[in-house]
Amino acid sequence: MRIFLFVLVLASGCLTAFGADFVLRDDLGRHWRNELVTFPLTNAQLAHARAGHALVGADKASVPYQLTPTAPVKLAALVTVEPFSATELSFTDAPAKAATDLRVQETATTIRLTNSLAGIAIAKSLANGAGPIEALRMPSGAWVGGSRLTGGAVTAYTAKVIASGPVYADVACHVEFGAGNTWDIAFRVMANEPAVLVDEKVAINMAAAPVFTLMLDRGWTPDSLFYRRSFQVAGKPSGFVETAPLAVSDGQPLFVFEPWVHWQNRVRQGNWFALYGEGSPDMLMVGGYRADLWVDPKQPVETRNPFQMALARADGALCLPFALKQGRRCWLLGMPDKTASLASLNEKNLMHA
């Protein structure tokens, strides 16, 4: 999934949208697959969308779309653009028939966002130190992992479905700790993408910061770590992908997760890592994105959310803690193909893997 599409667009000016039709063009020689793109709408286009009319490409095949939930309303669509070519999209008067694998299920206790590759179960109430993430669905269908929330008394909590597909589904969770201290965490699952996007906005000023902790090995037994090394030694350059056993005991954290890489600090440090087990078909990844949002340089350092989190074992569980102070963090939980991911270890250039 290339969630950085619009960053590239704004930087290069190689993608444009204009006129009565929507036109996307690639000038980079890159294959854009299943990209989430949003367009402003004319009144006529908005009328088509609200009437449920089909959005089609040059081949007349329907393209999935939905309207964004907040004003100004835009069109959100999943598109594919071939290298050095253009994709044109137009509304017709026929009813939309583009189905996707995205599903939203809601019970009295849980909201589940799933597709054929990934999923997340989100709690509708918090009790006994539980966090909003109840579990994550892996490609095999297994539900694993979870979360806890400690260090502060929750005075109010809501979890609401904001968008329900067919392109993407959003759930917004709002947590209050009293005295104006709040934590908002939103989850997004897109159609046909092996990831859950997470967006945190924290406004907490407490003597002891609450901590949101991912419980990454609940329900399965990962035994290895897959990552890109960030420390160079003789024969092992930085930037190469490699693996390490989770039983490693070299005096260093299992992994230090951060939104941008601080090179030459330690081997196992960077903006993504993945867990897997020899006896499991699945792989679970944690990755950072939109690093520009993680730190506000105008904000006093002591009040900022930490931007480095250490993966460690605590009370017999594999944990990744996120202290809650002030600021914003964007990250994702990925469920990549294990076989394809580890196959990169056999490539000649491990830096490009």
Protein backbone atom coordinates (compact mmCIF):
# COMPACT_ATOMS: atom_id res chain seq x y z
CA MET A 1 0.00 0.00 0.00
CA ARG A 2 1.38 3.40 -0.98
CA ILE A 3 -0.22 5.66 1.61
CA PHE A 4 2.16 8.46 0.64
CA LEU A 5 0.59 9.04 -2.78
CA PHE A 6 -0.39 12.66 -2.20
CA VAL A 7 2.99 13.47 -0.64
CA LEU A 8 4.55 12.40 -3.93
CA VAL A 9 1.90 14.25 -5.87
CA LEU A 10 2.44 17.53 -4.11
CA ALA A 11 6.19 17.23 -4.37
CA SER A 12 6.36 16.33 -8.04
CA GLY A 13 3.26 17.83 -9.59
CA CYS A 14 3.01 14.68 -11.69
CA LEU A 15 -0.59 13.88 -10.85
CA THR A 16 -3.49 16.15 -11.61
CA ALA A 17 -7.26 16.22 -11.37
CA PHE A 18 -9.29 18.65 -13.43
CA GLY A 19 -12.44 19.24 -15.45
CA ALA A 20 -15.74 17.35 -15.56
CA ASP A 21 -13.88 14.02 -15.58
CA PHE A 22 -11.22 13.01 -13.09
CA VAL A 23 -7.83 12.46 -14.71
CA LEU A 24 -4.79 10.90 -13.06
CA ARG A 25 -1.48 10.77 -14.90
CA ASP A 26 1.86 9.18 -14.01
CA ASP A 27 5.08 10.81 -15.21
CA LEU A 28 7.38 8.86 -12.89
CA GLY A 29 7.25 5.46 -14.56
CA ARG A 30 5.61 3.95 -11.49
CA HIS A 31 2.71 1.54 -11.15
CA TRP A 32 0.13 2.98 -8.73
CA ARG A 33 -2.12 0.19 -7.46
CA ASN A 34 -5.31 0.48 -5.45
CA GLU A 35 -4.52 4.04 -4.42
CA LEU A 36 -6.88 6.05 -2.26
CA VAL A 37 -7.37 9.41 -3.96
CA THR A 38 -9.78 12.21 -3.09
CA PHE A 39 -11.25 14.78 -5.50
CA PRO A 40 -13.19 18.01 -4.97
CA LEU A 41 -16.63 17.85 -6.58
CA THR A 42 -18.74 20.10 -8.73
CA ASN A 43 -22.44 20.25 -7.93
CA ALA A 44 -23.18 17.96 -10.87
CA GLN A 45 -20.61 15.41 -9.75
CA LEU A 46 -21.89 15.50 -6.18
CA ALA A 47 -25.41 14.87 -7.46
CA HIS A 48 -24.16 11.79 -9.36
CA ALA A 49 -22.40 10.46 -6.27
CA ARG A 50 -25.37 11.01 -3.98
CA ALA A 51 -27.61 9.27 -6.49
CA GLY A 52 -25.32 6.23 -6.39
CA HIS A 53 -24.32 6.42 -10.04
CA ALA A 54 -21.40 4.37 -11.32
CA LEU A 55 -17.92 5.85 -11.65
CA VAL A 56 -16.18 4.15 -14.57
CA GLY A 57 -12.83 4.18 -16.31
CA ALA A 58 -12.05 4.06 -20.01
CA ASP A 59 -12.76 0.31 -19.99
CA LYS A 60 -16.25 1.03 -18.57
CA ALA A 61 -15.43 -1.01 -15.46
CA SER A 62 -16.90 0.42 -12.24
CA VAL A 63 -14.49 1.97 -9.76
CA PRO A 64 -15.31 1.85 -6.00
CA TYR A 65 -15.92 5.24 -4.41
CA GLN A 66 -17.55 6.93 -1.46
CA LEU A 67 -18.12 10.45 -0.19
CA THR A 68 -15.97 11.76 2.63
CA PRO A 69 -17.94 12.24 5.88
CA THR A 70 -16.87 15.82 6.65
CA ALA A 71 -17.33 19.10 4.82
CA PRO A 72 -16.31 20.01 2.24
CA VAL A 73 -17.54 16.70 0.87
CA LYS A 74 -15.10 15.06 -1.55
CA LEU A 75 -15.06 11.93 -3.62
CA ALA A 76 -12.78 9.15 -2.36
CA ALA A 77 -11.95 6.45 -4.89
CA LEU A 78 -9.58 3.52 -5.31
CA VAL A 79 -7.65 3.91 -8.55
CA THR A 80 -4.84 2.27 -10.49
CA VAL A 81 -2.51 4.15 -12.80
CA GLU A 82 -0.04 2.40 -15.11
CA PRO A 83 3.47 3.80 -15.67
CA PHE A 84 3.60 6.78 -18.04
CA SER A 85 -0.13 6.62 -18.68
CA ALA A 86 -3.35 8.33 -17.62
CA THR A 87 -6.50 7.03 -15.96
CA GLU A 88 -9.74 8.86 -16.67
CA LEU A 89 -12.83 8.47 -14.52
CA SER A 90 -16.35 9.65 -15.31
CA PHE A 91 -19.80 9.30 -13.80
CA THR A 92 -22.55 7.54 -15.72
CA ASP A 93 -26.29 7.40 -15.09
CA ALA A 94 -26.16 3.67 -14.35
CA PRO A 95 -26.23 2.46 -10.74
CA ALA A 96 -22.89 1.77 -9.07
CA LYS A 97 -22.00 -1.92 -8.88
CA ALA A 98 -18.40 -1.85 -7.69
CA ALA A 99 -18.13 -4.13 -4.66
CA THR A 100 -15.07 -4.50 -2.42
CA ASP A 101 -13.89 -6.86 0.31
CA LEU A 102 -14.35 -4.23 3.05
CA ARG A 103 -16.70 -5.12 5.89
CA VAL A 104 -17.92 -3.28 8.99
CA GLN A 105 -19.52 -5.34 11.75
CA GLU A 106 -20.85 -3.85 14.96
CA THR A 107 -22.16 -5.63 18.05
CA ALA A 108 -23.07 -4.36 21.50
CA THR A 109 -19.44 -4.66 22.60
CA THR A 110 -17.19 -4.53 19.53
CA ILE A 111 -16.66 -2.87 16.15
CA ARG A 112 -14.82 -4.93 13.56
CA LEU A 113 -13.26 -3.51 10.40
CA THR A 114 -12.04 -6.22 8.05
CA ASN A 115 -11.08 -7.01 4.48
CA SER A 116 -9.73 -10.18 2.93
CA LEU A 117 -6.19 -9.42 4.15
CA ALA A 118 -6.45 -7.70 7.53
CA GLY A 119 -8.76 -6.51 10.26
CA ILE A 120 -9.12 -4.95 13.66
CA ALA A 121 -11.57 -5.41 16.54
CA ILE A 122 -12.20 -2.22 18.53
CA ALA A 123 -13.76 -2.20 21.98
CA LYS A 124 -16.90 -0.13 22.56
CA SER A 125 -16.15 0.14 26.28
CA LEU A 126 -12.99 0.11 28.38
CA ALA A 127 -12.65 -1.76 31.65
CA ASN A 128 -9.97 -3.38 33.80
CA GLY A 129 -7.09 -1.68 32.02
CA ALA A 130 -8.09 -2.79 28.53
CA GLY A 131 -7.20 -0.58 25.58
CA PRO A 132 -9.27 0.19 22.47
CA ILE A 133 -7.64 -2.52 20.32
CA GLU A 134 -9.17 -5.88 21.21
CA ALA A 135 -7.46 -7.91 18.50
CA LEU A 136 -6.01 -7.87 14.98
CA ARG A 137 -7.03 -10.24 12.20
CA MET A 138 -4.20 -11.84 10.29
CA PRO A 139 -4.31 -13.10 6.67
CA SER A 140 -4.76 -16.65 7.98
CA GLY A 141 -7.97 -15.57 9.70
CA ALA A 142 -6.47 -15.78 13.20
CA TRP A 143 -7.26 -12.98 15.65
CA VAL A 144 -4.17 -12.01 17.65
CA GLY A 145 -2.74 -9.20 19.74
CA GLY A 146 -4.55 -6.63 21.81
CA SER A 147 -3.89 -3.57 23.94
CA ARG A 148 -4.10 -2.15 27.43
CA LEU A 149 -4.43 1.34 28.87
CA THR A 150 -2.82 2.06 32.20
CA GLY A 151 -1.74 4.95 34.40
CA GLY A 152 -4.90 7.05 34.33
CA ALA A 153 -8.55 6.72 35.32
CA VAL A 154 -10.79 6.81 32.24
CA THR A 155 -13.79 9.06 32.90
CA ALA A 156 -15.44 8.75 29.47
CA TYR A 157 -14.99 6.68 26.31
CA THR A 158 -16.72 6.43 22.94
CA ALA A 159 -16.01 4.44 19.78
CA LYS A 160 -17.97 5.39 16.67
CA VAL A 161 -18.01 4.32 13.03
CA ILE A 162 -17.30 7.44 10.97
CA ALA A 163 -17.07 5.90 7.50
CA SER A 164 -18.22 2.45 6.40
CA GLY A 165 -16.93 1.87 2.88
CA PRO A 166 -16.84 0.57 0.26
CA VAL A 167 -13.44 2.28 -0.17
CA TYR A 168 -12.38 2.74 3.45
CA ALA A 169 -13.87 2.39 6.91
CA ASP A 170 -13.01 4.64 9.85
CA VAL A 171 -13.62 4.30 13.57
CA ALA A 172 -12.93 7.21 15.92
CA CYS A 173 -12.28 6.55 19.61
CA HIS A 174 -12.36 9.34 22.18
CA VAL A 175 -10.98 8.85 25.68
CA GLU A 176 -11.27 11.31 28.57
CA PHE A 177 -9.23 11.21 31.78
CA GLY A 178 -10.90 14.17 33.49
CA ALA A 179 -9.75 17.79 33.88
CA GLY A 180 -9.77 18.29 30.11
CA ASN A 181 -7.24 15.52 29.40
CA THR A 182 -8.18 13.70 26.19
CA TRP A 183 -6.84 11.09 23.78
CA ASP A 184 -8.32 10.55 20.34
CA ILE A 185 -7.27 7.49 18.36
CA ALA A 186 -8.72 6.69 14.95
CA PHE A 187 -8.44 3.49 12.92
CA ARG A 188 -8.80 3.07 9.16
CA VAL A 189 -9.03 -0.08 7.06
CA MET A 190 -9.06 0.24 3.26
CA ALA A 191 -10.42 -2.25 0.77
CA ASN A 192 -7.92 -4.87 -0.36
CA GLU A 193 -5.02 -3.52 1.72
CA PRO A 194 -3.14 -5.52 4.41
CA ALA A 195 -2.95 -2.76 7.00
CA VAL A 196 -4.74 -0.76 9.68
CA LEU A 197 -3.86 2.94 9.76
CA VAL A 198 -3.73 4.59 13.18
CA ASP A 199 -3.93 8.32 13.92
CA GLU A 200 -3.49 9.58 17.49
CA LYS A 201 -4.17 13.08 18.80
CA VAL A 202 -3.23 13.51 22.44
CA ALA A 203 -3.91 16.44 24.78
CA ILE A 204 -2.89 15.27 28.24
CA ASN A 205 -1.21 17.25 30.98
CA MET A 206 -0.92 14.92 33.95
CA ALA A 207 1.87 14.36 36.44
CA ALA A 208 2.09 10.73 35.38
CA ALA A 209 1.25 10.16 31.71
CA PRO A 210 -1.14 7.31 30.89
CA VAL A 211 0.35 4.59 28.68
CA PHE A 212 -1.28 2.81 25.75
CA THR A 213 0.47 -0.52 25.19
CA LEU A 214 0.23 -2.85 22.22
CA MET A 215 0.22 -6.50 23.30
CA LEU A 216 1.74 -7.99 20.18
CA ASP A 217 2.03 -11.72 20.94
CA ARG A 218 -1.35 -12.40 22.48
CA GLY A 219 -2.95 -15.41 20.80
CA TRP A 220 0.11 -16.50 18.82
CA THR A 221 3.83 -17.16 19.34
CA PRO A 222 6.13 -15.05 17.14
CA ASP A 223 9.76 -15.98 17.67
CA SER A 224 11.62 -13.74 15.20
CA LEU A 225 12.04 -10.11 14.22
CA PHE A 226 12.32 -8.80 10.64
CA TYR A 227 13.71 -5.27 10.21
CA ARG A 228 16.13 -2.99 8.36
CA ARG A 229 19.35 -2.60 10.34
CA SER A 230 20.37 0.97 11.12
CA PHE A 231 23.90 0.38 12.40
CA GLN A 232 26.91 -0.37 10.21
CA VAL A 233 29.69 -2.73 11.18
CA ALA A 234 32.32 -4.50 9.07
CA GLY A 235 30.55 -6.76 6.60
CA LYS A 236 27.08 -5.60 7.64
CA PRO A 237 26.13 -2.20 6.20
CA SER A 238 23.27 -0.18 7.59
CA GLY A 239 20.10 -0.25 5.52
CA PHE A 240 20.14 -4.01 4.89
CA VAL A 241 17.12 -6.09 5.84
CA GLU A 242 17.77 -8.94 8.26
CA THR A 243 16.20 -11.04 10.98
CA ALA A 244 16.91 -11.69 14.65
CA PRO A 245 15.44 -14.07 17.24
CA LEU A 246 13.15 -12.49 19.80
CA ALA A 247 15.19 -14.40 22.38
CA VAL A 248 18.21 -12.20 21.63
CA SER A 249 20.07 -11.12 24.80
CA ASP A 250 22.67 -8.57 23.77
CA GLY A 251 21.72 -5.94 26.33
CA GLN A 252 19.86 -3.84 23.74
CA PRO A 253 16.09 -3.34 23.38
CA LEU A 254 14.47 -5.88 21.09
CA PHE A 255 13.69 -2.95 18.80
CA VAL A 256 13.37 0.84 19.10
CA PHE A 257 10.48 2.06 16.97
CA GLU A 258 10.53 5.67 15.74
CA PRO A 259 8.96 7.61 12.83
CA TRP A 260 12.31 8.46 11.22
CA VAL A 261 15.60 6.59 11.44
CA HIS A 262 18.45 7.70 13.67
CA TRP A 263 21.33 5.93 11.94
CA GLN A 264 24.27 4.47 13.85
CA ASN A 265 22.55 4.38 17.24
CA ARG A 266 21.82 0.66 17.38
CA VAL A 267 21.23 -2.21 14.98
CA ARG A 268 17.55 -2.80 15.75
CA GLN A 269 16.09 0.68 15.43
CA GLY A 270 13.96 2.28 12.74
CA ASN A 271 10.55 3.21 11.41
CA TRP A 272 9.24 -0.34 10.97
CA PHE A 273 9.65 -3.87 12.25
CA ALA A 274 7.76 -7.11 11.78
CA LEU A 275 7.16 -10.18 13.91
CA TYR A 276 6.77 -13.73 12.68
CA GLY A 277 7.01 -17.29 13.89
CA GLU A 278 8.35 -20.40 12.21
CA GLY A 279 5.13 -22.25 13.05
CA SER A 280 2.77 -19.50 11.84
CA PRO A 281 1.86 -18.40 8.30
CA ASP A 282 1.39 -14.82 9.46
CA MET A 283 3.52 -11.70 9.90
CA LEU A 284 2.61 -8.60 11.93
CA MET A 285 4.29 -5.28 11.22
CA VAL A 286 4.35 -1.94 13.06
CA GLY A 287 5.37 1.03 10.92
CA GLY A 288 5.43 4.80 11.21
CA TYR A 289 4.29 7.36 8.64
CA ARG A 290 3.79 11.13 8.42
CA ALA A 291 6.88 11.68 10.55
CA ASP A 292 6.37 15.43 10.06
CA LEU A 293 3.34 15.27 12.38
CA TRP A 294 5.03 13.49 15.27
CA VAL A 295 6.93 16.47 16.67
CA ASP A 296 5.85 20.11 16.91
CA PRO A 297 9.09 22.10 17.34
CA LYS A 298 7.13 24.92 18.98
CA GLN A 299 5.96 22.61 21.76
CA PRO A 300 8.08 22.26 24.91
CA VAL A 301 10.04 19.00 24.79
CA GLU A 302 8.84 17.82 28.19
CA THR A 303 5.19 17.97 27.09
CA ARG A 304 5.57 16.10 23.78
CA ASN A 305 4.54 12.52 23.11
CA PRO A 306 7.62 10.30 23.06
CA PHE A 307 8.71 9.60 19.49
CA GLN A 308 10.71 6.47 20.38
CA MET A 309 9.08 3.31 21.74
CA ALA A 310 11.04 0.26 22.89
CA LEU A 311 9.74 -3.21 22.09
CA ALA A 312 10.24 -5.36 25.18
CA ARG A 313 8.89 -8.27 27.16
CA ALA A 314 6.94 -7.27 30.26
CA ASP A 315 4.96 -9.61 32.52
CA GLY A 316 5.48 -12.40 30.01
CA ALA A 317 4.05 -10.41 27.07
CA LEU A 318 5.65 -8.76 24.06
CA CYS A 319 4.79 -5.08 24.51
CA LEU A 320 5.20 -1.79 22.67
CA PRO A 321 4.24 1.12 24.97
CA PHE A 322 3.05 4.54 23.76
CA ALA A 323 3.12 7.14 26.56
CA LEU A 324 0.32 9.70 26.16
CA LYS A 325 1.28 13.36 26.57
CA GLN A 326 0.61 15.94 23.85
CA GLY A 327 0.80 15.90 20.08
CA ARG A 328 -0.01 13.66 17.15
CA ARG A 329 1.31 10.30 15.96
CA CYS A 330 0.51 8.40 12.76
CA TRP A 331 1.47 4.76 12.44
CA LEU A 332 0.13 1.50 11.07
CA LEU A 333 -0.34 -2.15 11.87
CA GLY A 334 0.47 -4.20 8.79
CA MET A 335 -0.23 -7.82 7.91
CA PRO A 336 2.17 -8.36 4.98
CA ASP A 337 2.64 -11.64 3.15
CA LYS A 338 5.20 -13.52 5.23
CA THR A 339 6.69 -15.56 2.40
CA ALA A 340 7.05 -12.61 0.04
CA SER A 341 8.50 -10.41 2.78
CA LEU A 342 11.17 -12.89 3.87
CA ALA A 343 12.01 -13.68 0.24
CA SER A 344 13.63 -10.23 0.10
CA LEU A 345 16.42 -11.65 2.26
CA ASN A 346 17.57 -13.59 -0.80
CA GLU A 347 17.88 -10.54 -3.06
CA LYS A 348 21.34 -9.52 -4.16
CA ASN A 349 20.91 -5.94 -2.99
CA LEU A 350 19.52 -6.12 0.56
CA MET A 351 19.42 -2.33 0.76
CA HIS A 352 16.84 -2.23 -2.04
CA ALA A 353 14.89 -5.19 -0.64
